[in-house]
Amino acid sequence: MSLNKNLGLEDLLKDLLDKRDKKDKDCGVENILKKLPPNYPVGGVFVKGQFIPVSFFSNLCDCLAYFIDEDGQVIVIDVDKITGIAFGEDVAPE
């Protein structure tokens, strides 16, 4: 019998990882996007610290988020790479 089994560390680690995986599925950007209707206005998304301006959220499919920018271009981003979402309009000063 291994030392890990004797201390119950293997079971404890498995329980912690299971709880973390469940928590990750219950919250985060993907969960927010699942609740948004198509054509919902979005100011932009953050990917690896970079701001990507978008105008609308289109849909979510197979872990990919689809957005439309101001020129009507479709922008597809892996949901796991999105670290933040900006809502609201960015009004430029006159």
Protein backbone atom coordinates (compact mmCIF):
# COMPACT_ATOMS: atom_id res chain seq x y z
CA MET A 1 0.00 0.00 0.00
CA SER A 2 1.41 3.39 -0.94
CA LEU A 3 1.93 6.29 1.42
CA ASN A 4 -0.64 8.35 -0.50
CA LYS A 5 -3.30 5.69 0.03
CA ASN A 6 -2.50 5.52 3.74
CA LEU A 7 -2.98 9.25 4.18
CA GLY A 8 -6.04 9.40 1.94
CA LEU A 9 -4.36 12.09 -0.17
CA GLU A 10 -5.30 10.45 -3.44
CA ASP A 11 -9.01 10.50 -2.55
CA LEU A 12 -8.78 14.05 -1.19
CA LEU A 13 -7.10 15.28 -4.37
CA LYS A 14 -9.71 13.54 -6.53
CA ASP A 15 -12.53 15.17 -4.52
CA LEU A 16 -10.93 18.61 -4.81
CA LEU A 17 -10.46 18.24 -8.57
CA ASP A 18 -14.04 17.01 -9.01
CA LYS A 19 -15.36 20.02 -7.07
CA ARG A 20 -13.17 22.40 -9.06
CA ASP A 21 -14.35 20.91 -12.35
CA LYS A 22 -17.99 21.23 -11.26
CA LYS A 23 -17.45 24.82 -10.14
CA ASP A 24 -15.77 25.71 -13.45
CA LYS A 25 -18.80 24.37 -15.32
CA ASP A 26 -21.22 26.37 -13.19
CA CYS A 27 -19.59 29.77 -13.63
CA GLY A 28 -17.41 31.72 -15.97
CA VAL A 29 -17.69 33.36 -19.35
CA GLU A 30 -19.35 30.42 -21.07
CA ASN A 31 -22.17 30.44 -18.52
CA ILE A 32 -22.73 34.17 -19.10
CA LEU A 33 -22.75 33.72 -22.88
CA LYS A 34 -25.25 30.85 -22.65
CA LYS A 35 -27.72 33.28 -21.07
CA LEU A 36 -27.38 35.99 -23.74
CA PRO A 37 -29.89 36.10 -26.59
CA PRO A 38 -28.65 36.42 -30.19
CA ASN A 39 -27.79 39.99 -31.26
CA TYR A 40 -27.19 41.07 -27.67
CA PRO A 41 -25.05 44.25 -27.64
CA VAL A 42 -21.51 43.72 -26.40
CA GLY A 43 -18.76 46.33 -26.33
CA GLY A 44 -15.91 43.86 -26.61
CA VAL A 45 -14.16 40.80 -25.23
CA PHE A 46 -10.80 40.29 -23.58
CA VAL A 47 -8.52 37.53 -24.86
CA LYS A 48 -5.06 37.11 -23.34
CA GLY A 49 -5.21 40.66 -22.00
CA GLN A 50 -6.08 42.14 -25.39
CA PHE A 51 -9.36 43.96 -25.95
CA ILE A 52 -11.23 42.91 -29.09
CA PRO A 53 -14.02 45.35 -29.96
CA VAL A 54 -17.27 43.72 -31.06
CA SER A 55 -20.80 45.02 -31.44
CA PHE A 56 -23.05 42.02 -30.87
CA PHE A 57 -22.98 38.52 -29.47
CA SER A 58 -24.31 36.12 -32.10
CA ASN A 59 -24.29 32.62 -30.67
CA LEU A 60 -22.38 29.90 -28.85
CA CYS A 61 -21.69 26.55 -30.50
CA ASP A 62 -19.21 23.77 -29.69
CA CYS A 63 -17.19 25.90 -27.24
CA LEU A 64 -16.88 28.71 -29.79
CA ALA A 65 -18.38 32.16 -29.27
CA TYR A 66 -19.53 34.07 -32.34
CA PHE A 67 -19.59 37.86 -32.33
CA ILE A 68 -20.33 40.50 -34.96
CA ASP A 69 -18.13 43.62 -35.18
CA GLU A 70 -19.18 47.09 -36.34
CA ASP A 71 -18.32 46.23 -39.97
CA GLY A 72 -20.55 43.14 -39.92
CA GLN A 73 -17.59 40.76 -39.78
CA VAL A 74 -18.05 37.53 -37.83
CA ILE A 75 -15.46 37.00 -35.10
CA VAL A 76 -15.13 33.49 -33.68
CA ILE A 77 -13.32 32.99 -30.37
CA ASP A 78 -12.65 29.88 -28.30
CA VAL A 79 -14.75 30.39 -25.16
CA ASP A 80 -11.94 29.09 -22.93
CA LYS A 81 -9.68 31.92 -24.17
CA ILE A 82 -12.12 34.71 -23.23
CA THR A 83 -11.16 36.24 -19.89
CA GLY A 84 -13.69 39.06 -19.83
CA ILE A 85 -16.62 40.72 -21.56
CA ALA A 86 -17.34 44.47 -21.77
CA PHE A 87 -20.99 45.43 -21.95
CA GLY A 88 -22.31 48.81 -23.03
CA GLU A 89 -21.36 51.26 -25.70
CA ASP A 90 -18.03 53.01 -25.97
CA VAL A 91 -19.11 56.54 -26.75
CA ALA A 92 -16.38 58.55 -28.45
CA PRO A 93 -16.06 62.18 -27.30
CA GLU A 94 -17.23 64.78 -29.80
